[in-house]
Protein backbone atom coordinates (compact mmCIF):
# COMPACT_ATOMS: atom_id res chain seq x y z
CA MET A 1 -1.34 -13.06 8.19
CA GLU A 2 -0.93 -14.34 4.63
CA GLU A 3 -3.13 -11.55 3.30
CA VAL A 4 -0.80 -8.95 4.81
CA GLN A 5 2.23 -10.57 3.17
CA VAL A 6 0.47 -10.74 -0.19
CA MET A 7 -0.52 -7.06 0.07
CA GLU A 8 3.05 -6.15 1.01
CA GLU A 9 4.44 -8.07 -1.98
CA VAL A 10 1.97 -6.39 -4.33
CA ARG A 11 2.84 -2.93 -2.99
CA LYS A 12 6.55 -3.73 -3.27
CA LYS A 13 6.15 -4.78 -6.91
CA GLU A 14 4.17 -1.63 -7.71
CA ILE A 15 6.83 0.59 -6.17
CA THR A 16 9.58 -1.30 -7.98
CA LYS A 17 7.80 -0.92 -11.34
CA GLU A 18 7.26 2.78 -10.77
CA PHE A 19 10.87 3.61 -9.88
CA GLN A 20 12.90 1.09 -11.89
CA ILE A 21 15.30 2.43 -14.51
CA HIS A 22 15.02 -0.50 -16.92
CA ALA A 23 12.83 -3.61 -17.21
CA LYS A 24 14.86 -5.93 -14.96
CA ASP A 25 15.91 -3.31 -12.41
CA THR A 26 15.12 -4.33 -8.85
CA GLY A 27 18.00 -2.95 -6.82
CA SER A 28 18.97 0.46 -8.14
CA VAL A 29 19.30 3.32 -5.70
CA ASP A 30 15.99 4.78 -6.89
CA VAL A 31 14.09 1.57 -6.11
CA GLN A 32 15.82 1.10 -2.75
CA VAL A 33 15.04 4.68 -1.67
CA ALA A 34 11.40 4.35 -2.76
CA LEU A 35 10.96 1.08 -0.83
CA LEU A 36 12.63 2.54 2.25
CA THR A 37 10.42 5.63 2.04
CA SER A 38 7.33 3.45 1.90
CA ARG A 39 8.43 1.48 4.97
CA ILE A 40 9.42 4.68 6.82
CA ASN A 41 6.00 6.24 6.19
CA GLU A 42 4.29 3.06 7.37
CA LEU A 43 6.39 2.85 10.53
CA THR A 44 5.90 6.55 11.28
CA GLY A 45 2.14 5.98 11.39
CA HIS A 46 2.63 3.03 13.71
CA LEU A 47 4.83 5.03 16.06
CA GLN A 48 2.32 7.88 16.27
CA GLN A 49 -0.12 5.40 17.81
CA GLN A 50 2.43 3.34 19.79
CA LYS A 51 4.60 6.00 21.40
CA LYS A 52 6.48 3.60 23.70
CA ASP A 53 7.59 1.15 20.99
CA LEU A 54 11.29 1.92 21.25
CA SER A 55 12.54 -1.03 19.22
CA SER A 56 10.48 0.06 16.22
CA ARG A 57 11.73 3.61 16.70
CA ARG A 58 15.30 2.34 16.57
CA GLY A 59 14.54 0.45 13.35
CA LEU A 60 12.98 3.60 11.91
CA LEU A 61 16.09 5.62 12.68
CA LYS A 62 18.28 2.99 11.03
CA MET A 63 16.09 3.05 7.92
CA VAL A 64 16.19 6.86 7.78
CA GLY A 65 19.99 6.78 8.05
CA ASN A 66 20.23 4.13 5.34
CA ARG A 67 17.97 6.17 3.03
CA ARG A 68 20.05 9.28 3.72
CA SER A 69 23.23 7.41 2.76
CA LEU A 70 21.67 6.18 -0.48
CA LEU A 71 20.44 9.67 -1.32
CA ASP A 72 23.87 11.17 -0.61
CA TYR A 73 25.43 8.60 -2.94
CA LEU A 74 22.91 9.40 -5.68
CA HIS A 75 23.51 13.13 -5.20
CA ARG A 76 27.26 12.60 -5.65
CA THR A 77 26.95 10.40 -8.73
CA ASP A 78 23.87 11.67 -10.62
CA THR A 79 22.43 14.98 -9.43
CA GLU A 80 19.67 15.09 -12.02
CA ARG A 81 18.29 11.67 -11.00
CA TYR A 82 18.58 12.73 -7.36
CA GLN A 83 16.46 15.85 -7.98
CA LYS A 84 13.80 13.85 -9.85
CA LEU A 85 13.63 11.24 -7.09
CA ILE A 86 13.36 13.84 -4.31
CA LYS A 87 10.54 15.58 -6.16
CA LYS A 88 8.71 12.33 -6.95
CA LEU A 89 8.86 11.11 -3.33
CA ASN A 90 8.11 14.52 -1.79
CA LEU A 91 11.26 14.49 0.35
CA ARG A 92 12.95 17.58 1.75
CA LYS A 93 16.40 18.88 0.76
């Protein structure tokens, strides 16, 4: 169990470093969207195997909605950053 948490923390730090805008950035829209995308991809794989896991499906839908809201905000405020982020994460739109 501890190994999974350590791996998750390491992956989270890597994603944060890749998408942060400045050295101490941990909560910008870019970082939040990247972390949500990582969790969404992970949960999608889980749900392909566990088709009847409705509580996880509900959590997935909430995460997708949250990511959509963050992306809409970024699109309104900084279209250029939005385009770069969409391209980097391979998201549609």
